[in-house]
Amino acid sequence: EIFERRNQYAHANGVVTRSYLEKLERE
């Protein structure tokens, strides 16, 4: 999750996206 949260801040200003939720649900 650390790397996915990093990606959200790098590419979406820290806002939750569908991709973020789907990846975490898979894990």
mmCIF file of all heavy atoms, coordinates in Angstrom:
data_MODEL
# 
_entry.id   MODEL 
# 
loop_
_atom_site.group_PDB 
_atom_site.id 
_atom_site.type_symbol 
_atom_site.label_atom_id 
_atom_site.label_alt_id 
_atom_site.label_comp_id 
_atom_site.label_asym_id 
_atom_site.label_entity_id 
_atom_site.label_seq_id 
_atom_site.pdbx_PDB_ins_code 
_atom_site.Cartn_x 
_atom_site.Cartn_y 
_atom_site.Cartn_z 
_atom_site.occupancy 
_atom_site.B_iso_or_equiv 
_atom_site.pdbx_formal_charge 
_atom_site.auth_seq_id 
_atom_site.auth_comp_id 
_atom_site.auth_asym_id 
_atom_site.auth_atom_id 
_atom_site.pdbx_PDB_model_num 
ATOM 1   N N   . GLU A 1 1  ? 0.812   -1.218 0.000   1.00 0.00 ? 1  GLU A N   1 
ATOM 2   C CA  . GLU A 1 1  ? 0.000   0.000  0.000   1.00 0.00 ? 1  GLU A CA  1 
ATOM 3   C C   . GLU A 1 1  ? 0.843   1.264  0.000   1.00 0.00 ? 1  GLU A C   1 
ATOM 4   O O   . GLU A 1 1  ? 0.438   2.292  -0.549  1.00 0.00 ? 1  GLU A O   1 
ATOM 5   C CB  . GLU A 1 1  ? -0.937  -0.009 1.215   1.00 0.00 ? 1  GLU A CB  1 
ATOM 6   C CG  . GLU A 1 1  ? -2.018  1.073  1.186   1.00 0.00 ? 1  GLU A CG  1 
ATOM 7   C CD  . GLU A 1 1  ? -1.541  2.409  1.708   1.00 0.00 ? 1  GLU A CD  1 
ATOM 8   O OE1 . GLU A 1 1  ? -0.541  2.445  2.482   1.00 0.00 ? 1  GLU A OE1 1 
ATOM 9   O OE2 . GLU A 1 1  ? -2.144  3.446  1.347   1.00 0.00 ? 1  GLU A OE2 1 
ATOM 10  N N   . ILE A 1 2  ? 2.024   1.204  0.605   1.00 0.00 ? 2  ILE A N   1 
ATOM 11  C CA  . ILE A 1 2  ? 2.895   2.387  0.646   1.00 0.00 ? 2  ILE A CA  1 
ATOM 12  C C   . ILE A 1 2  ? 3.187   2.896  -0.756  1.00 0.00 ? 2  ILE A C   1 
ATOM 13  O O   . ILE A 1 2  ? 3.111   4.102  -1.036  1.00 0.00 ? 2  ILE A O   1 
ATOM 14  C CB  . ILE A 1 2  ? 4.215   2.054  1.365   1.00 0.00 ? 2  ILE A CB  1 
ATOM 15  C CG1 . ILE A 1 2  ? 3.951   1.724  2.830   1.00 0.00 ? 2  ILE A CG1 1 
ATOM 16  C CG2 . ILE A 1 2  ? 5.206   3.209  1.251   1.00 0.00 ? 2  ILE A CG2 1 
ATOM 17  C CD1 . ILE A 1 2  ? 5.156   1.147  3.553   1.00 0.00 ? 2  ILE A CD1 1 
ATOM 18  N N   . PHE A 1 3  ? 3.490   1.997  -1.666  1.00 0.00 ? 3  PHE A N   1 
ATOM 19  C CA  . PHE A 1 3  ? 3.854   2.391  -3.029  1.00 0.00 ? 3  PHE A CA  1 
ATOM 20  C C   . PHE A 1 3  ? 2.638   2.884  -3.809  1.00 0.00 ? 3  PHE A C   1 
ATOM 21  O O   . PHE A 1 3  ? 2.754   3.801  -4.631  1.00 0.00 ? 3  PHE A O   1 
ATOM 22  C CB  . PHE A 1 3  ? 4.518   1.212  -3.741  1.00 0.00 ? 3  PHE A CB  1 
ATOM 23  C CG  . PHE A 1 3  ? 5.729   0.706  -3.020  1.00 0.00 ? 3  PHE A CG  1 
ATOM 24  C CD1 . PHE A 1 3  ? 5.666   -0.439 -2.235  1.00 0.00 ? 3  PHE A CD1 1 
ATOM 25  C CD2 . PHE A 1 3  ? 6.935   1.383  -3.085  1.00 0.00 ? 3  PHE A CD2 1 
ATOM 26  C CE1 . PHE A 1 3  ? 6.771   -0.893 -1.545  1.00 0.00 ? 3  PHE A CE1 1 
ATOM 27  C CE2 . PHE A 1 3  ? 8.048   0.937  -2.396  1.00 0.00 ? 3  PHE A CE2 1 
ATOM 28  C CZ  . PHE A 1 3  ? 7.962   -0.201 -1.617  1.00 0.00 ? 3  PHE A CZ  1 
ATOM 29  N N   . GLU A 1 4  ? 1.478   2.290  -3.522  1.00 0.00 ? 4  GLU A N   1 
ATOM 30  C CA  . GLU A 1 4  ? 0.270   2.764  -4.192  1.00 0.00 ? 4  GLU A CA  1 
ATOM 31  C C   . GLU A 1 4  ? -0.123  4.149  -3.685  1.00 0.00 ? 4  GLU A C   1 
ATOM 32  O O   . GLU A 1 4  ? -0.584  4.988  -4.459  1.00 0.00 ? 4  GLU A O   1 
ATOM 33  C CB  . GLU A 1 4  ? -0.875  1.770  -3.978  1.00 0.00 ? 4  GLU A CB  1 
ATOM 34  C CG  . GLU A 1 4  ? -0.659  0.434  -4.659  1.00 0.00 ? 4  GLU A CG  1 
ATOM 35  C CD  . GLU A 1 4  ? -0.365  0.584  -6.145  1.00 0.00 ? 4  GLU A CD  1 
ATOM 36  O OE1 . GLU A 1 4  ? -1.024  1.405  -6.802  1.00 0.00 ? 4  GLU A OE1 1 
ATOM 37  O OE2 . GLU A 1 4  ? 0.543   -0.113 -6.646  1.00 0.00 ? 4  GLU A OE2 1 
ATOM 38  N N   . ARG A 1 5  ? 0.054   4.386  -2.390  1.00 0.00 ? 5  ARG A N   1 
ATOM 39  C CA  . ARG A 1 5  ? -0.245  5.722  -1.863  1.00 0.00 ? 5  ARG A CA  1 
ATOM 40  C C   . ARG A 1 5  ? 0.747   6.734  -2.415  1.00 0.00 ? 5  ARG A C   1 
ATOM 41  O O   . ARG A 1 5  ? 0.374   7.876  -2.728  1.00 0.00 ? 5  ARG A O   1 
ATOM 42  C CB  . ARG A 1 5  ? -0.214  5.716  -0.331  1.00 0.00 ? 5  ARG A CB  1 
ATOM 43  C CG  . ARG A 1 5  ? -0.683  7.018  0.282   1.00 0.00 ? 5  ARG A CG  1 
ATOM 44  C CD  . ARG A 1 5  ? -0.921  6.918  1.784   1.00 0.00 ? 5  ARG A CD  1 
ATOM 45  N NE  . ARG A 1 5  ? -1.928  5.917  2.122   1.00 0.00 ? 5  ARG A NE  1 
ATOM 46  C CZ  . ARG A 1 5  ? -2.745  6.002  3.168   1.00 0.00 ? 5  ARG A CZ  1 
ATOM 47  N NH1 . ARG A 1 5  ? -2.687  7.066  3.960   1.00 0.00 ? 5  ARG A NH1 1 
ATOM 48  N NH2 . ARG A 1 5  ? -3.603  5.028  3.428   1.00 0.00 ? 5  ARG A NH2 1 
ATOM 49  N N   . ARG A 1 6  ? 1.985   6.302  -2.546  1.00 0.00 ? 6  ARG A N   1 
ATOM 50  C CA  . ARG A 1 6  ? 2.992   7.177  -3.163  1.00 0.00 ? 6  ARG A CA  1 
ATOM 51  C C   . ARG A 1 6  ? 2.564   7.561  -4.571  1.00 0.00 ? 6  ARG A C   1 
ATOM 52  O O   . ARG A 1 6  ? 2.665   8.723  -4.982  1.00 0.00 ? 6  ARG A O   1 
ATOM 53  C CB  . ARG A 1 6  ? 4.337   6.454  -3.170  1.00 0.00 ? 6  ARG A CB  1 
ATOM 54  C CG  . ARG A 1 6  ? 5.459   7.215  -3.886  1.00 0.00 ? 6  ARG A CG  1 
ATOM 55  C CD  . ARG A 1 6  ? 5.569   6.809  -5.331  1.00 0.00 ? 6  ARG A CD  1 
ATOM 56  N NE  . ARG A 1 6  ? 6.544   7.599  -6.050  1.00 0.00 ? 6  ARG A NE  1 
ATOM 57  C CZ  . ARG A 1 6  ? 6.580   7.750  -7.363  1.00 0.00 ? 6  ARG A CZ  1 
ATOM 58  N NH1 . ARG A 1 6  ? 5.654   7.165  -8.116  1.00 0.00 ? 6  ARG A NH1 1 
ATOM 59  N NH2 . ARG A 1 6  ? 7.510   8.474  -7.938  1.00 0.00 ? 6  ARG A NH2 1 
ATOM 60  N N   . ASN A 1 7  ? 2.077   6.584  -5.343  1.00 0.00 ? 7  ASN A N   1 
ATOM 61  C CA  . ASN A 1 7  ? 1.643   6.853  -6.712  1.00 0.00 ? 7  ASN A CA  1 
ATOM 62  C C   . ASN A 1 7  ? 0.465   7.824  -6.748  1.00 0.00 ? 7  ASN A C   1 
ATOM 63  O O   . ASN A 1 7  ? 0.372   8.661  -7.652  1.00 0.00 ? 7  ASN A O   1 
ATOM 64  C CB  . ASN A 1 7  ? 1.255   5.544  -7.404  1.00 0.00 ? 7  ASN A CB  1 
ATOM 65  C CG  . ASN A 1 7  ? 2.464   4.655  -7.665  1.00 0.00 ? 7  ASN A CG  1 
ATOM 66  O OD1 . ASN A 1 7  ? 3.594   5.129  -7.681  1.00 0.00 ? 7  ASN A OD1 1 
ATOM 67  N ND2 . ASN A 1 7  ? 2.219   3.364  -7.846  1.00 0.00 ? 7  ASN A ND2 1 
ATOM 68  N N   . GLN A 1 8  ? -0.428  7.720  -5.760  1.00 0.00 ? 8  GLN A N   1 
ATOM 69  C CA  . GLN A 1 8  ? -1.574  8.628  -5.727  1.00 0.00 ? 8  GLN A CA  1 
ATOM 70  C C   . GLN A 1 8  ? -1.117  10.062 -5.488  1.00 0.00 ? 8  GLN A C   1 
ATOM 71  O O   . GLN A 1 8  ? -1.666  10.997 -6.066  1.00 0.00 ? 8  GLN A O   1 
ATOM 72  C CB  . GLN A 1 8  ? -2.557  8.207  -4.636  1.00 0.00 ? 8  GLN A CB  1 
ATOM 73  C CG  . GLN A 1 8  ? -3.256  6.880  -4.890  1.00 0.00 ? 8  GLN A CG  1 
ATOM 74  C CD  . GLN A 1 8  ? -3.941  6.828  -6.253  1.00 0.00 ? 8  GLN A CD  1 
ATOM 75  O OE1 . GLN A 1 8  ? -3.543  6.077  -7.139  1.00 0.00 ? 8  GLN A OE1 1 
ATOM 76  N NE2 . GLN A 1 8  ? -4.963  7.647  -6.424  1.00 0.00 ? 8  GLN A NE2 1 
ATOM 77  N N   . TYR A 1 9  ? -0.113  10.243 -4.648  1.00 0.00 ? 9  TYR A N   1 
ATOM 78  C CA  . TYR A 1 9  ? 0.387   11.596 -4.406  1.00 0.00 ? 9  TYR A CA  1 
ATOM 79  C C   . TYR A 1 9  ? 1.226   12.099 -5.578  1.00 0.00 ? 9  TYR A C   1 
ATOM 80  O O   . TYR A 1 9  ? 1.259   13.296 -5.854  1.00 0.00 ? 9  TYR A O   1 
ATOM 81  C CB  . TYR A 1 9  ? 1.195   11.640 -3.109  1.00 0.00 ? 9  TYR A CB  1 
ATOM 82  C CG  . TYR A 1 9  ? 0.328   11.978 -1.916  1.00 0.00 ? 9  TYR A CG  1 
ATOM 83  C CD1 . TYR A 1 9  ? -0.241  10.969 -1.140  1.00 0.00 ? 9  TYR A CD1 1 
ATOM 84  C CD2 . TYR A 1 9  ? 0.028   13.295 -1.593  1.00 0.00 ? 9  TYR A CD2 1 
ATOM 85  C CE1 . TYR A 1 9  ? -1.066  11.269 -0.064  1.00 0.00 ? 9  TYR A CE1 1 
ATOM 86  C CE2 . TYR A 1 9  ? -0.784  13.601 -0.528  1.00 0.00 ? 9  TYR A CE2 1 
ATOM 87  C CZ  . TYR A 1 9  ? -1.333  12.596 0.238   1.00 0.00 ? 9  TYR A CZ  1 
ATOM 88  O OH  . TYR A 1 9  ? -2.156  12.893 1.285   1.00 0.00 ? 9  TYR A OH  1 
ATOM 89  N N   . ALA A 1 10 ? 1.893   11.188 -6.262  1.00 0.00 ? 10 ALA A N   1 
ATOM 90  C CA  . ALA A 1 10 ? 2.720   11.600 -7.400  1.00 0.00 ? 10 ALA A CA  1 
ATOM 91  C C   . ALA A 1 10 ? 1.882   11.943 -8.623  1.00 0.00 ? 10 ALA A C   1 
ATOM 92  O O   . ALA A 1 10 ? 2.242   12.834 -9.402  1.00 0.00 ? 10 ALA A O   1 
ATOM 93  C CB  . ALA A 1 10 ? 3.710   10.487 -7.749  1.00 0.00 ? 10 ALA A CB  1 
ATOM 94  N N   . HIS A 1 11 ? 0.743   11.262 -8.792  1.00 0.00 ? 11 HIS A N   1 
ATOM 95  C CA  . HIS A 1 11 ? -0.032  11.405 -10.023 1.00 0.00 ? 11 HIS A CA  1 
ATOM 96  C C   . HIS A 1 11 ? -1.458  11.920 -9.831  1.00 0.00 ? 11 HIS A C   1 
ATOM 97  O O   . HIS A 1 11 ? -2.101  12.313 -10.809 1.00 0.00 ? 11 HIS A O   1 
ATOM 98  C CB  . HIS A 1 11 ? -0.095  10.052 -10.748 1.00 0.00 ? 11 HIS A CB  1 
ATOM 99  C CG  . HIS A 1 11 ? 1.247   9.432  -10.986 1.00 0.00 ? 11 HIS A CG  1 
ATOM 100 N ND1 . HIS A 1 11 ? 2.215   10.027 -11.767 1.00 0.00 ? 11 HIS A ND1 1 
ATOM 101 C CD2 . HIS A 1 11 ? 1.800   8.272  -10.530 1.00 0.00 ? 11 HIS A CD2 1 
ATOM 102 C CE1 . HIS A 1 11 ? 3.297   9.268  -11.793 1.00 0.00 ? 11 HIS A CE1 1 
ATOM 103 N NE2 . HIS A 1 11 ? 3.071   8.196  -11.049 1.00 0.00 ? 11 HIS A NE2 1 
ATOM 104 N N   . ALA A 1 12 ? -1.964  11.915 -8.583  1.00 0.00 ? 12 ALA A N   1 
ATOM 105 C CA  . ALA A 1 12 ? -3.359  12.340 -8.372  1.00 0.00 ? 12 ALA A CA  1 
ATOM 106 C C   . ALA A 1 12 ? -3.496  13.248 -7.163  1.00 0.00 ? 12 ALA A C   1 
ATOM 107 O O   . ALA A 1 12 ? -4.598  13.395 -6.619  1.00 0.00 ? 12 ALA A O   1 
ATOM 108 C CB  . ALA A 1 12 ? -4.260  11.110 -8.216  1.00 0.00 ? 12 ALA A CB  1 
ATOM 109 N N   . ASN A 1 13 ? -2.393  13.877 -6.737  1.00 0.00 ? 13 ASN A N   1 
ATOM 110 C CA  . ASN A 1 13 ? -2.421  14.822 -5.618  1.00 0.00 ? 13 ASN A CA  1 
ATOM 111 C C   . ASN A 1 13 ? -2.985  14.188 -4.348  1.00 0.00 ? 13 ASN A C   1 
ATOM 112 O O   . ASN A 1 13 ? -3.592  14.861 -3.511  1.00 0.00 ? 13 ASN A O   1 
ATOM 113 C CB  . ASN A 1 13 ? -3.228  16.069 -5.987  1.00 0.00 ? 13 ASN A CB  1 
ATOM 114 C CG  . ASN A 1 13 ? -2.953  17.233 -5.051  1.00 0.00 ? 13 ASN A CG  1 
ATOM 115 O OD1 . ASN A 1 13 ? -1.854  17.357 -4.507  1.00 0.00 ? 13 ASN A OD1 1 
ATOM 116 N ND2 . ASN A 1 13 ? -3.957  18.087 -4.844  1.00 0.00 ? 13 ASN A ND2 1 
ATOM 117 N N   . GLY A 1 14 ? -2.791  12.888 -4.195  1.00 0.00 ? 14 GLY A N   1 
ATOM 118 C CA  . GLY A 1 14 ? -3.224  12.217 -2.979  1.00 0.00 ? 14 GLY A CA  1 
ATOM 119 C C   . GLY A 1 14 ? -4.693  11.884 -2.926  1.00 0.00 ? 14 GLY A C   1 
ATOM 120 O O   . GLY A 1 14 ? -5.206  11.483 -1.869  1.00 0.00 ? 14 GLY A O   1 
ATOM 121 N N   . VAL A 1 15 ? -5.375  12.010 -4.059  1.00 0.00 ? 15 VAL A N   1 
ATOM 122 C CA  . VAL A 1 15 ? -6.816  11.733 -4.102  1.00 0.00 ? 15 VAL A CA  1 
ATOM 123 C C   . VAL A 1 15 ? -7.044  10.269 -4.483  1.00 0.00 ? 15 VAL A C   1 
ATOM 124 O O   . VAL A 1 15 ? -6.384  9.733  -5.381  1.00 0.00 ? 15 VAL A O   1 
ATOM 125 C CB  . VAL A 1 15 ? -7.525  12.665 -5.110  1.00 0.00 ? 15 VAL A CB  1 
ATOM 126 C CG1 . VAL A 1 15 ? -9.001  12.293 -5.248  1.00 0.00 ? 15 VAL A CG1 1 
ATOM 127 C CG2 . VAL A 1 15 ? -7.383  14.118 -4.662  1.00 0.00 ? 15 VAL A CG2 1 
ATOM 128 N N   . VAL A 1 16 ? -7.978  9.623  -3.800  1.00 0.00 ? 16 VAL A N   1 
ATOM 129 C CA  . VAL A 1 16 ? -8.288  8.221  -4.052  1.00 0.00 ? 16 VAL A CA  1 
ATOM 130 C C   . VAL A 1 16 ? -8.912  8.059  -5.436  1.00 0.00 ? 16 VAL A C   1 
ATOM 131 O O   . VAL A 1 16 ? -9.828  8.797  -5.815  1.00 0.00 ? 16 VAL A O   1 
ATOM 132 C CB  . VAL A 1 16 ? -9.260  7.669  -2.985  1.00 0.00 ? 16 VAL A CB  1 
ATOM 133 C CG1 . VAL A 1 16 ? -9.694  6.248  -3.323  1.00 0.00 ? 16 VAL A CG1 1 
ATOM 134 C CG2 . VAL A 1 16 ? -8.601  7.706  -1.613  1.00 0.00 ? 16 VAL A CG2 1 
ATOM 135 N N   . THR A 1 17 ? -8.413  7.090  -6.198  1.00 0.00 ? 17 THR A N   1 
ATOM 136 C CA  . THR A 1 17 ? -8.965  6.788  -7.520  1.00 0.00 ? 17 THR A CA  1 
ATOM 137 C C   . THR A 1 17 ? -9.477  5.344  -7.545  1.00 0.00 ? 17 THR A C   1 
ATOM 138 O O   . THR A 1 17 ? -9.194  4.562  -6.636  1.00 0.00 ? 17 THR A O   1 
ATOM 139 C CB  . THR A 1 17 ? -7.890  6.952  -8.616  1.00 0.00 ? 17 THR A CB  1 
ATOM 140 O OG1 . THR A 1 17 ? -6.816  6.024  -8.350  1.00 0.00 ? 17 THR A OG1 1 
ATOM 141 C CG2 . THR A 1 17 ? -7.336  8.369  -8.633  1.00 0.00 ? 17 THR A CG2 1 
ATOM 142 N N   . ARG A 1 18 ? -10.208 5.025  -8.586  1.00 0.00 ? 18 ARG A N   1 
ATOM 143 C CA  . ARG A 1 18 ? -10.725 3.662  -8.722  1.00 0.00 ? 18 ARG A CA  1 
ATOM 144 C C   . ARG A 1 18 ? -9.574  2.655  -8.805  1.00 0.00 ? 18 ARG A C   1 
ATOM 145 O O   . ARG A 1 18 ? -9.641  1.568  -8.217  1.00 0.00 ? 18 ARG A O   1 
ATOM 146 C CB  . ARG A 1 18 ? -11.606 3.562  -9.970  1.00 0.00 ? 18 ARG A CB  1 
ATOM 147 C CG  . ARG A 1 18 ? -12.249 2.171  -10.152 1.00 0.00 ? 18 ARG A CG  1 
ATOM 148 C CD  . ARG A 1 18 ? -13.089 2.138  -11.419 1.00 0.00 ? 18 ARG A CD  1 
ATOM 149 N NE  . ARG A 1 18 ? -14.117 3.140  -11.380 1.00 0.00 ? 18 ARG A NE  1 
ATOM 150 C CZ  . ARG A 1 18 ? -15.299 2.984  -10.754 1.00 0.00 ? 18 ARG A CZ  1 
ATOM 151 N NH1 . ARG A 1 18 ? -15.550 1.859  -10.099 1.00 0.00 ? 18 ARG A NH1 1 
ATOM 152 N NH2 . ARG A 1 18 ? -16.200 3.947  -10.769 1.00 0.00 ? 18 ARG A NH2 1 
ATOM 153 N N   . SER A 1 19 ? -8.537  3.012  -9.546  1.00 0.00 ? 19 SER A N   1 
ATOM 154 C CA  . SER A 1 19 ? -7.394  2.117  -9.695  1.00 0.00 ? 19 SER A CA  1 
ATOM 155 C C   . SER A 1 19 ? -6.764  1.802  -8.346  1.00 0.00 ? 19 SER A C   1 
ATOM 156 O O   . SER A 1 19 ? -6.403  0.651  -8.062  1.00 0.00 ? 19 SER A O   1 
ATOM 157 C CB  . SER A 1 19 ? -6.360  2.742  -10.628 1.00 0.00 ? 19 SER A CB  1 
ATOM 158 O OG  . SER A 1 19 ? -5.184  1.970  -10.689 1.00 0.00 ? 19 SER A OG  1 
ATOM 159 N N   . TYR A 1 20 ? -6.623  2.806  -7.494  1.00 0.00 ? 20 TYR A N   1 
ATOM 160 C CA  . TYR A 1 20 ? -6.034  2.624  -6.167  1.00 0.00 ? 20 TYR A CA  1 
ATOM 161 C C   . TYR A 1 20 ? -6.858  1.627  -5.352  1.00 0.00 ? 20 TYR A C   1 
ATOM 162 O O   . TYR A 1 20 ? -6.310  0.692  -4.754  1.00 0.00 ? 20 TYR A O   1 
ATOM 163 C CB  . TYR A 1 20 ? -5.972  3.977  -5.457  1.00 0.00 ? 20 TYR A CB  1 
ATOM 164 C CG  . TYR A 1 20 ? -5.557  3.926  -4.004  1.00 0.00 ? 20 TYR A CG  1 
ATOM 165 C CD1 . TYR A 1 20 ? -4.228  3.790  -3.638  1.00 0.00 ? 20 TYR A CD1 1 
ATOM 166 C CD2 . TYR A 1 20 ? -6.518  4.027  -2.993  1.00 0.00 ? 20 TYR A CD2 1 
ATOM 167 C CE1 . TYR A 1 20 ? -3.850  3.750  -2.299  1.00 0.00 ? 20 TYR A CE1 1 
ATOM 168 C CE2 . TYR A 1 20 ? -6.146  3.998  -1.658  1.00 0.00 ? 20 TYR A CE2 1 
ATOM 169 C CZ  . TYR A 1 20 ? -4.816  3.864  -1.312  1.00 0.00 ? 20 TYR A CZ  1 
ATOM 170 O OH  . TYR A 1 20 ? -4.451  3.819  0.016   1.00 0.00 ? 20 TYR A OH  1 
ATOM 171 N N   . LEU A 1 21 ? -8.174  1.801  -5.344  1.00 0.00 ? 21 LEU A N   1 
ATOM 172 C CA  . LEU A 1 21 ? -9.039  0.916  -4.568  1.00 0.00 ? 21 LEU A CA  1 
ATOM 173 C C   . LEU A 1 21 ? -9.010  -0.510 -5.115  1.00 0.00 ? 21 LEU A C   1 
ATOM 174 O O   . LEU A 1 21 ? -8.970  -1.478 -4.340  1.00 0.00 ? 21 LEU A O   1 
ATOM 175 C CB  . LEU A 1 21 ? -10.471 1.454  -4.576  1.00 0.00 ? 21 LEU A CB  1 
ATOM 176 C CG  . LEU A 1 21 ? -10.695 2.792  -3.858  1.00 0.00 ? 21 LEU A CG  1 
ATOM 177 C CD1 . LEU A 1 21 ? -12.150 3.226  -3.997  1.00 0.00 ? 21 LEU A CD1 1 
ATOM 178 C CD2 . LEU A 1 21 ? -10.312 2.695  -2.390  1.00 0.00 ? 21 LEU A CD2 1 
ATOM 179 N N   . GLU A 1 22 ? -9.021  -0.647 -6.427  1.00 0.00 ? 22 GLU A N   1 
ATOM 180 C CA  . GLU A 1 22 ? -9.033  -1.989 -7.025  1.00 0.00 ? 22 GLU A CA  1 
ATOM 181 C C   . GLU A 1 22 ? -7.746  -2.740 -6.710  1.00 0.00 ? 22 GLU A C   1 
ATOM 182 O O   . GLU A 1 22 ? -7.769  -3.951 -6.425  1.00 0.00 ? 22 GLU A O   1 
ATOM 183 C CB  . GLU A 1 22 ? -9.223  -1.871 -8.544  1.00 0.00 ? 22 GLU A CB  1 
ATOM 184 C CG  . GLU A 1 22 ? -10.627 -1.418 -8.939  1.00 0.00 ? 22 GLU A CG  1 
ATOM 185 C CD  . GLU A 1 22 ? -10.760 -1.209 -10.430 1.00 0.00 ? 22 GLU A CD  1 
ATOM 186 O OE1 . GLU A 1 22 ? -9.703  -1.166 -11.119 1.00 0.00 ? 22 GLU A OE1 1 
ATOM 187 O OE2 . GLU A 1 22 ? -11.900 -1.063 -10.921 1.00 0.00 ? 22 GLU A OE2 1 
ATOM 188 N N   . LYS A 1 23 ? -6.611  -2.046 -6.762  1.00 0.00 ? 23 LYS A N   1 
ATOM 189 C CA  . LYS A 1 23 ? -5.329  -2.700 -6.464  1.00 0.00 ? 23 LYS A CA  1 
ATOM 190 C C   . LYS A 1 23 ? -5.267  -3.146 -5.015  1.00 0.00 ? 23 LYS A C   1 
ATOM 191 O O   . LYS A 1 23 ? -4.778  -4.237 -4.707  1.00 0.00 ? 23 LYS A O   1 
ATOM 192 C CB  . LYS A 1 23 ? -4.166  -1.747 -6.783  1.00 0.00 ? 23 LYS A CB  1 
ATOM 193 C CG  . LYS A 1 23 ? -3.954  -1.518 -8.269  1.00 0.00 ? 23 LYS A CG  1 
ATOM 194 C CD  . LYS A 1 23 ? -2.817  -0.553 -8.520  1.00 0.00 ? 23 LYS A CD  1 
ATOM 195 C CE  . LYS A 1 23 ? -2.603  -0.332 -10.010 1.00 0.00 ? 23 LYS A CE  1 
ATOM 196 N NZ  . LYS A 1 23 ? -1.511  0.644  -10.266 1.00 0.00 ? 23 LYS A NZ  1 
ATOM 197 N N   . LEU A 1 24 ? -5.752  -2.317 -4.100  1.00 0.00 ? 24 LEU A N   1 
ATOM 198 C CA  . LEU A 1 24 ? -5.717  -2.680 -2.693  1.00 0.00 ? 24 LEU A CA  1 
ATOM 199 C C   . LEU A 1 24 ? -6.673  -3.826 -2.389  1.00 0.00 ? 24 LEU A C   1 
ATOM 200 O O   . LEU A 1 24 ? -6.372  -4.691 -1.554  1.00 0.00 ? 24 LEU A O   1 
ATOM 201 C CB  . LEU A 1 24 ? -6.069  -1.469 -1.824  1.00 0.00 ? 24 LEU A CB  1 
ATOM 202 C CG  . LEU A 1 24 ? -5.080  -0.297 -1.855  1.00 0.00 ? 24 LEU A CG  1 
ATOM 203 C CD1 . LEU A 1 24 ? -5.410  0.689  -0.748  1.00 0.00 ? 24 LEU A CD1 1 
ATOM 204 C CD2 . LEU A 1 24 ? -3.639  -0.772 -1.707  1.00 0.00 ? 24 LEU A CD2 1 
ATOM 205 N N   . GLU A 1 25 ? -7.809  -3.840 -3.053  1.00 0.00 ? 25 GLU A N   1 
ATOM 206 C CA  . GLU A 1 25 ? -8.761  -4.935 -2.850  1.00 0.00 ? 25 GLU A CA  1 
ATOM 207 C C   . GLU A 1 25 ? -8.166  -6.257 -3.305  1.00 0.00 ? 25 GLU A C   1 
ATOM 208 O O   . GLU A 1 25 ? -8.386  -7.298 -2.672  1.00 0.00 ? 25 GLU A O   1 
ATOM 209 C CB  . GLU A 1 25 ? -10.056 -4.639 -3.606  1.00 0.00 ? 25 GLU A CB  1 
ATOM 210 C CG  . GLU A 1 25 ? -10.904 -3.552 -2.939  1.00 0.00 ? 25 GLU A CG  1 
ATOM 211 C CD  . GLU A 1 25 ? -12.126 -3.193 -3.755  1.00 0.00 ? 25 GLU A CD  1 
ATOM 212 O OE1 . GLU A 1 25 ? -12.229 -3.651 -4.924  1.00 0.00 ? 25 GLU A OE1 1 
ATOM 213 O OE2 . GLU A 1 25 ? -12.992 -2.449 -3.247  1.00 0.00 ? 25 GLU A OE2 1 
ATOM 214 N N   . ARG A 1 26 ? -7.393  -6.233 -4.396  1.00 0.00 ? 26 ARG A N   1 
ATOM 215 C CA  . ARG A 1 26 ? -6.750  -7.468 -4.872  1.00 0.00 ? 26 ARG A CA  1 
ATOM 216 C C   . ARG A 1 26 ? -5.746  -7.990 -3.860  1.00 0.00 ? 26 ARG A C   1 
ATOM 217 O O   . ARG A 1 26 ? -5.528  -9.198 -3.750  1.00 0.00 ? 26 ARG A O   1 
ATOM 218 C CB  . ARG A 1 26 ? -6.063  -7.226 -6.223  1.00 0.00 ? 26 ARG A CB  1 
ATOM 219 C CG  . ARG A 1 26 ? -7.016  -7.138 -7.401  1.00 0.00 ? 26 ARG A CG  1 
ATOM 220 C CD  . ARG A 1 26 ? -6.274  -7.338 -8.702  1.00 0.00 ? 26 ARG A CD  1 
ATOM 221 N NE  . ARG A 1 26 ? -5.310  -6.289 -8.973  1.00 0.00 ? 26 ARG A NE  1 
ATOM 222 C CZ  . ARG A 1 26 ? -5.580  -5.186 -9.655  1.00 0.00 ? 26 ARG A CZ  1 
ATOM 223 N NH1 . ARG A 1 26 ? -6.807  -4.973 -10.133 1.00 0.00 ? 26 ARG A NH1 1 
ATOM 224 N NH2 . ARG A 1 26 ? -4.643  -4.284 -9.876  1.00 0.00 ? 26 ARG A NH2 1 
ATOM 225 N N   . GLU A 1 27 ? -5.124  -7.071 -3.114  1.00 0.00 ? 27 GLU A N   1 
ATOM 226 C CA  . GLU A 1 27 ? -4.133  -7.477 -2.114  1.00 0.00 ? 27 GLU A CA  1 
ATOM 227 C C   . GLU A 1 27 ? -4.768  -7.655 -0.737  1.00 0.00 ? 27 GLU A C   1 
ATOM 228 O O   . GLU A 1 27 ? -4.065  -7.884 0.250   1.00 0.00 ? 27 GLU A O   1 
ATOM 229 C CB  . GLU A 1 27 ? -3.008  -6.435 -2.032  1.00 0.00 ? 27 GLU A CB  1 
ATOM 230 C CG  . GLU A 1 27 ? -2.240  -6.229 -3.328  1.00 0.00 ? 27 GLU A CG  1 
ATOM 231 C CD  . GLU A 1 27 ? -1.567  -7.493 -3.814  1.00 0.00 ? 27 GLU A CD  1 
ATOM 232 O OE1 . GLU A 1 27 ? -1.142  -8.313 -2.968  1.00 0.00 ? 27 GLU A OE1 1 
ATOM 233 O OE2 . GLU A 1 27 ? -1.463  -7.667 -5.053  1.00 0.00 ? 27 GLU A OE2 1 
# 
